[in-house]
Amino acid sequence: MSKNNLKKIRENMLLSKSELARKAGISPLTIDRIERGFPCRVDTKRKIIQALGFKVSDKAKVFS
């Protein structure tokens, strides 16, 4: 299980899992799994980072 800041960042931006999932083009279930620490593909991380408005180079802010 990998630690990440996704839930904290998403909640600080007042986004629901569904809203973030729609912006990122992935399923809310995927967002839920990642927030609980399950691994995901690099492509999925990139979509989430961009949907949050970060640059890919800022990935350490979301995924440690």
PDB file of N, CA and C in Angstrom:
ATOM      1  N   MET A   1       0.842  -1.199   0.000  1.00  0.00           N
ATOM      2  CA  MET A   1       0.000   0.000   0.000  1.00  0.00           C
ATOM      3  C   MET A   1       0.878   1.250   0.000  1.00  0.00           C
ATOM      4  N   SER A   2       0.690   2.070  -0.991  1.00  0.00           N
ATOM      5  CA  SER A   2       1.497   3.286  -1.069  1.00  0.00           C
ATOM      6  C   SER A   2       0.730   4.463  -0.478  1.00  0.00           C
ATOM      7  N   LYS A   3       1.468   5.312   0.212  1.00  0.00           N
ATOM      8  CA  LYS A   3       0.858   6.490   0.833  1.00  0.00           C
ATOM      9  C   LYS A   3       0.754   7.588  -0.222  1.00  0.00           C
ATOM     10  N   ASN A   4      -0.382   8.281  -0.240  1.00  0.00           N
ATOM     11  CA  ASN A   4      -0.498   9.430  -1.140  1.00  0.00           C
ATOM     12  C   ASN A   4      -1.379  10.486  -0.475  1.00  0.00           C
ATOM     13  N   ASN A   5      -1.354  11.679  -1.037  1.00  0.00           N
ATOM     14  CA  ASN A   5      -2.085  12.817  -0.482  1.00  0.00           C
ATOM     15  C   ASN A   5      -3.366  13.112  -1.256  1.00  0.00           C
ATOM     16  N   LEU A   6      -3.787  12.170  -2.082  1.00  0.00           N
ATOM     17  CA  LEU A   6      -4.906  12.445  -2.985  1.00  0.00           C
ATOM     18  C   LEU A   6      -6.167  12.870  -2.238  1.00  0.00           C
ATOM     19  N   LYS A   7      -6.547  12.112  -1.210  1.00  0.00           N
ATOM     20  CA  LYS A   7      -7.794  12.435  -0.501  1.00  0.00           C
ATOM     21  C   LYS A   7      -7.735  13.830   0.117  1.00  0.00           C
ATOM     22  N   LYS A   8      -6.602  14.141   0.768  1.00  0.00           N
ATOM     23  CA  LYS A   8      -6.455  15.445   1.424  1.00  0.00           C
ATOM     24  C   LYS A   8      -6.554  16.577   0.389  1.00  0.00           C
ATOM     25  N   ILE A   9      -5.856  16.432  -0.724  1.00  0.00           N
ATOM     26  CA  ILE A   9      -5.873  17.460  -1.777  1.00  0.00           C
ATOM     27  C   ILE A   9      -7.269  17.603  -2.358  1.00  0.00           C
ATOM     28  N   ARG A  10      -7.906  16.456  -2.657  1.00  0.00           N
ATOM     29  CA  ARG A  10      -9.259  16.485  -3.243  1.00  0.00           C
ATOM     30  C   ARG A  10     -10.236  17.176  -2.302  1.00  0.00           C
ATOM     31  N   GLU A  11     -10.172  16.840  -1.014  1.00  0.00           N
ATOM     32  CA  GLU A  11     -11.091  17.456  -0.051  1.00  0.00           C
ATOM     33  C   GLU A  11     -10.801  18.939   0.136  1.00  0.00           C
ATOM     34  N   ASN A  12      -9.517  19.330   0.113  1.00  0.00           N
ATOM     35  CA  ASN A  12      -9.168  20.750   0.216  1.00  0.00           C
ATOM     36  C   ASN A  12      -9.711  21.547  -0.966  1.00  0.00           C
ATOM     37  N   MET A  13      -9.829  20.888  -2.126  1.00  0.00           N
ATOM     38  CA  MET A  13     -10.361  21.550  -3.327  1.00  0.00           C
ATOM     39  C   MET A  13     -11.883  21.436  -3.403  1.00  0.00           C
ATOM     40  N   LEU A  14     -12.480  20.819  -2.363  1.00  0.00           N
ATOM     41  CA  LEU A  14     -13.927  20.620  -2.285  1.00  0.00           C
ATOM     42  C   LEU A  14     -14.469  19.841  -3.483  1.00  0.00           C
ATOM     43  N   LEU A  15     -13.708  18.853  -3.918  1.00  0.00           N
ATOM     44  CA  LEU A  15     -14.140  17.990  -5.019  1.00  0.00           C
ATOM     45  C   LEU A  15     -14.612  16.662  -4.460  1.00  0.00           C
ATOM     46  N   SER A  16     -15.703  16.155  -5.012  1.00  0.00           N
ATOM     47  CA  SER A  16     -16.128  14.800  -4.647  1.00  0.00           C
ATOM     48  C   SER A  16     -15.307  13.808  -5.478  1.00  0.00           C
ATOM     49  N   LYS A  17     -15.329  12.559  -5.058  1.00  0.00           N
ATOM     50  CA  LYS A  17     -14.635  11.523  -5.830  1.00  0.00           C
ATOM     51  C   LYS A  17     -15.188  11.481  -7.249  1.00  0.00           C
ATOM     52  N   SER A  18     -16.518  11.619  -7.375  1.00  0.00           N
ATOM     53  CA  SER A  18     -17.153  11.567  -8.696  1.00  0.00           C
ATOM     54  C   SER A  18     -16.706  12.723  -9.587  1.00  0.00           C
ATOM     55  N   GLU A  19     -16.617  13.915  -8.998  1.00  0.00           N
ATOM     56  CA  GLU A  19     -16.187  15.083  -9.781  1.00  0.00           C
ATOM     57  C   GLU A  19     -14.758  14.911 -10.281  1.00  0.00           C
ATOM     58  N   LEU A  20     -13.875  14.484  -9.383  1.00  0.00           N
ATOM     59  CA  LEU A  20     -12.483  14.290  -9.779  1.00  0.00           C
ATOM     60  C   LEU A  20     -12.377  13.190 -10.830  1.00  0.00           C
ATOM     61  N   ALA A  21     -13.118  12.116 -10.631  1.00  0.00           N
ATOM     62  CA  ALA A  21     -13.094  11.005 -11.585  1.00  0.00           C
ATOM     63  C   ALA A  21     -13.540  11.481 -12.966  1.00  0.00           C
ATOM     64  N   ARG A  22     -14.595  12.287 -13.011  1.00  0.00           N
ATOM     65  CA  ARG A  22     -15.095  12.787 -14.294  1.00  0.00           C
ATOM     66  C   ARG A  22     -14.051  13.686 -14.966  1.00  0.00           C
ATOM     67  N   LYS A  23     -13.434  14.571 -14.187  1.00  0.00           N
ATOM     68  CA  LYS A  23     -12.404  15.466 -14.737  1.00  0.00           C
ATOM     69  C   LYS A  23     -11.202  14.683 -15.261  1.00  0.00           C
ATOM     70  N   ALA A  24     -10.866  13.588 -14.564  1.00  0.00           N
ATOM     71  CA  ALA A  24      -9.693  12.799 -14.939  1.00  0.00           C
ATOM     72  C   ALA A  24     -10.014  11.738 -15.998  1.00  0.00           C
ATOM     73  N   GLY A  25     -11.292  11.494 -16.235  1.00  0.00           N
ATOM     74  CA  GLY A  25     -11.676  10.485 -17.219  1.00  0.00           C
ATOM     75  C   GLY A  25     -11.464   9.060 -16.723  1.00  0.00           C
ATOM     76  N   ILE A  26     -11.614   8.863 -15.414  1.00  0.00           N
ATOM     77  CA  ILE A  26     -11.488   7.529 -14.834  1.00  0.00           C
ATOM     78  C   ILE A  26     -12.689   7.284 -13.920  1.00  0.00           C
ATOM     79  N   SER A  27     -12.802   6.095 -13.362  1.00  0.00           N
ATOM     80  CA  SER A  27     -13.984   5.783 -12.554  1.00  0.00           C
ATOM     81  C   SER A  27     -13.815   6.240 -11.103  1.00  0.00           C
ATOM     82  N   PRO A  28     -14.946   6.588 -10.454  1.00  0.00           N
ATOM     83  CA  PRO A  28     -14.891   6.943  -9.029  1.00  0.00           C
ATOM     84  C   PRO A  28     -14.329   5.790  -8.191  1.00  0.00           C
ATOM     85  N   LEU A  29     -14.565   4.566  -8.600  1.00  0.00           N
ATOM     86  CA  LEU A  29     -14.026   3.410  -7.888  1.00  0.00           C
ATOM     87  C   LEU A  29     -12.498   3.439  -7.901  1.00  0.00           C
ATOM     88  N   THR A  30     -11.929   3.848  -9.031  1.00  0.00           N
ATOM     89  CA  THR A  30     -10.467   3.951  -9.142  1.00  0.00           C
ATOM     90  C   THR A  30      -9.939   5.008  -8.173  1.00  0.00           C
ATOM     91  N   ILE A  31     -10.617   6.148  -8.114  1.00  0.00           N
ATOM     92  CA  ILE A  31     -10.219   7.206  -7.173  1.00  0.00           C
ATOM     93  C   ILE A  31     -10.254   6.655  -5.743  1.00  0.00           C
ATOM     94  N   ASP A  32     -11.321   5.948  -5.405  1.00  0.00           N
ATOM     95  CA  ASP A  32     -11.473   5.382  -4.067  1.00  0.00           C
ATOM     96  C   ASP A  32     -10.335   4.418  -3.746  1.00  0.00           C
ATOM     97  N   ARG A  33     -10.022   3.540  -4.688  1.00  0.00           N
ATOM     98  CA  ARG A  33      -8.949   2.567  -4.478  1.00  0.00           C
ATOM     99  C   ARG A  33      -7.602   3.262  -4.256  1.00  0.00           C
ATOM    100  N   ILE A  34      -7.317   4.278  -5.069  1.00  0.00           N
ATOM    101  CA  ILE A  34      -6.041   4.994  -4.952  1.00  0.00           C
ATOM    102  C   ILE A  34      -5.969   5.712  -3.598  1.00  0.00           C
ATOM    103  N   GLU A  35      -7.075   6.331  -3.186  1.00  0.00           N
ATOM    104  CA  GLU A  35      -7.086   7.026  -1.891  1.00  0.00           C
ATOM    105  C   GLU A  35      -6.858   6.058  -0.738  1.00  0.00           C
ATOM    106  N   ARG A  36      -7.259   4.805  -0.914  1.00  0.00           N
ATOM    107  CA  ARG A  36      -7.050   3.800   0.133  1.00  0.00           C
ATOM    108  C   ARG A  36      -5.659   3.174   0.047  1.00  0.00           C
ATOM    109  N   GLY A  37      -4.843   3.633  -0.912  1.00  0.00           N
ATOM    110  CA  GLY A  37      -3.453   3.210  -0.973  1.00  0.00           C
ATOM    111  C   GLY A  37      -3.135   2.100  -1.953  1.00  0.00           C
ATOM    112  N   PHE A  38      -4.115   1.695  -2.767  1.00  0.00           N
ATOM    113  CA  PHE A  38      -3.827   0.673  -3.769  1.00  0.00           C
ATOM    114  C   PHE A  38      -3.003   1.277  -4.902  1.00  0.00           C
ATOM    115  N   PRO A  39      -2.156   0.483  -5.528  1.00  0.00           N
ATOM    116  CA  PRO A  39      -1.334   1.013  -6.625  1.00  0.00           C
ATOM    117  C   PRO A  39      -2.171   1.304  -7.867  1.00  0.00           C
ATOM    118  N   CYS A  40      -1.663   2.171  -8.722  1.00  0.00           N
ATOM    119  CA  CYS A  40      -2.329   2.434 -10.000  1.00  0.00           C
ATOM    120  C   CYS A  40      -1.270   2.665 -11.073  1.00  0.00           C
ATOM    121  N   ARG A  41      -1.709   2.648 -12.312  1.00  0.00           N
ATOM    122  CA  ARG A  41      -0.792   2.830 -13.436  1.00  0.00           C
ATOM    123  C   ARG A  41      -0.293   4.280 -13.505  1.00  0.00           C
ATOM    124  N   VAL A  42       0.858   4.452 -14.101  1.00  0.00           N
ATOM    125  CA  VAL A  42       1.446   5.785 -14.275  1.00  0.00           C
ATOM    126  C   VAL A  42       0.494   6.684 -15.065  1.00  0.00           C
ATOM    127  N   ASP A  43      -0.142   6.115 -16.083  1.00  0.00           N
ATOM    128  CA  ASP A  43      -1.092   6.857 -16.911  1.00  0.00           C
ATOM    129  C   ASP A  43      -2.242   7.409 -16.067  1.00  0.00           C
ATOM    130  N   THR A  44      -2.719   6.605 -15.128  1.00  0.00           N
ATOM    131  CA  THR A  44      -3.810   7.024 -14.244  1.00  0.00           C
ATOM    132  C   THR A  44      -3.348   8.149 -13.327  1.00  0.00           C
ATOM    133  N   LYS A  45      -2.142   8.025 -12.785  1.00  0.00           N
ATOM    134  CA  LYS A  45      -1.592   9.093 -11.935  1.00  0.00           C
ATOM    135  C   LYS A  45      -1.511  10.400 -12.712  1.00  0.00           C
ATOM    136  N   ARG A  46      -1.057  10.316 -13.962  1.00  0.00           N
ATOM    137  CA  ARG A  46      -0.931  11.520 -14.791  1.00  0.00           C
ATOM    138  C   ARG A  46      -2.299  12.187 -14.989  1.00  0.00           C
ATOM    139  N   LYS A  47      -3.317  11.404 -15.265  1.00  0.00           N
ATOM    140  CA  LYS A  47      -4.664  11.956 -15.459  1.00  0.00           C
ATOM    141  C   LYS A  47      -5.163  12.660 -14.200  1.00  0.00           C
ATOM    142  N   ILE A  48      -4.908  12.042 -13.047  1.00  0.00           N
ATOM    143  CA  ILE A  48      -5.356  12.634 -11.778  1.00  0.00           C
ATOM    144  C   ILE A  48      -4.609  13.928 -11.497  1.00  0.00           C
ATOM    145  N   ILE A  49      -3.296  13.910 -11.669  1.00  0.00           N
ATOM    146  CA  ILE A  49      -2.473  15.102 -11.412  1.00  0.00           C
ATOM    147  C   ILE A  49      -2.955  16.260 -12.281  1.00  0.00           C
ATOM    148  N   GLN A  50      -3.201  15.986 -13.563  1.00  0.00           N
ATOM    149  CA  GLN A  50      -3.649  17.043 -14.468  1.00  0.00           C
ATOM    150  C   GLN A  50      -5.066  17.504 -14.133  1.00  0.00           C
ATOM    151  N   ALA A  51      -5.938  16.580 -13.729  1.00  0.00           N
ATOM    152  CA  ALA A  51      -7.311  16.950 -13.365  1.00  0.00           C
ATOM    153  C   ALA A  51      -7.337  17.846 -12.126  1.00  0.00           C
ATOM    154  N   LEU A  52      -6.339  17.685 -11.245  1.00  0.00           N
ATOM    155  CA  LEU A  52      -6.245  18.524 -10.049  1.00  0.00           C
ATOM    156  C   LEU A  52      -5.638  19.890 -10.359  1.00  0.00           C
ATOM    157  N   GLY A  53      -5.154  20.066 -11.579  1.00  0.00           N
ATOM    158  CA  GLY A  53      -4.571  21.342 -11.966  1.00  0.00           C
ATOM    159  C   GLY A  53      -3.078  21.449 -11.709  1.00  0.00           C
ATOM    160  N   PHE A  54      -2.443  20.331 -11.380  1.00  0.00           N
ATOM    161  CA  PHE A  54      -0.990  20.321 -11.182  1.00  0.00           C
ATOM    162  C   PHE A  54      -0.282  19.966 -12.479  1.00  0.00           C
ATOM    163  N   LYS A  55       0.999  20.277 -12.538  1.00  0.00           N
ATOM    164  CA  LYS A  55       1.840  19.804 -13.637  1.00  0.00           C
ATOM    165  C   LYS A  55       2.314  18.402 -13.280  1.00  0.00           C
ATOM    166  N   VAL A  56       2.640  17.618 -14.298  1.00  0.00           N
ATOM    167  CA  VAL A  56       3.137  16.266 -14.054  1.00  0.00           C
ATOM    168  C   VAL A  56       4.400  16.315 -13.197  1.00  0.00           C
ATOM    169  N   SER A  57       5.185  17.375 -13.345  1.00  0.00           N
ATOM    170  CA  SER A  57       6.408  17.513 -12.542  1.00  0.00           C
ATOM    171  C   SER A  57       6.117  17.703 -11.048  1.00  0.00           C
ATOM    172  N   ASP A  58       4.853  18.012 -10.719  1.00  0.00           N
ATOM    173  CA  ASP A  58       4.454  18.191  -9.316  1.00  0.00           C
ATOM    174  C   ASP A  58       3.932  16.891  -8.696  1.00  0.00           C
ATOM    175  N   LYS A  59       4.189  15.765  -9.358  1.00  0.00           N
ATOM    176  CA  LYS A  59       3.565  14.507  -8.916  1.00  0.00           C
ATOM    177  C   LYS A  59       3.875  14.153  -7.470  1.00  0.00           C
ATOM    178  N   ALA A  60       5.034  14.573  -6.949  1.00  0.00           N
ATOM    179  CA  ALA A  60       5.387  14.257  -5.558  1.00  0.00           C
ATOM    180  C   ALA A  60       4.439  14.921  -4.559  1.00  0.00           C
ATOM    181  N   LYS A  61       3.762  15.999  -4.961  1.00  0.00           N
ATOM    182  CA  LYS A  61       2.795  16.659  -4.070  1.00  0.00           C
ATOM    183  C   LYS A  61       1.583  15.767  -3.840  1.00  0.00           C
ATOM    184  N   VAL A  62       1.263  14.939  -4.835  1.00  0.00           N
ATOM    185  CA  VAL A  62       0.092  14.069  -4.754  1.00  0.00           C
ATOM    186  C   VAL A  62       0.493  12.652  -4.390  1.00  0.00           C
ATOM    187  N   PHE A  63       1.472  12.112  -5.108  1.00  0.00           N
ATOM    188  CA  PHE A  63       1.905  10.735  -4.914  1.00  0.00           C
ATOM    189  C   PHE A  63       3.330  10.722  -4.375  1.00  0.00           C
ATOM    190  N   SER A  64       3.483  10.335  -3.099  1.00  0.00           N
ATOM    191  CA  SER A  64       4.826  10.347  -2.515  1.00  0.00           C
ATOM    192  C   SER A  64       5.605   9.094  -2.887  1.00  0.00           C
TER     193      SER A  64
END
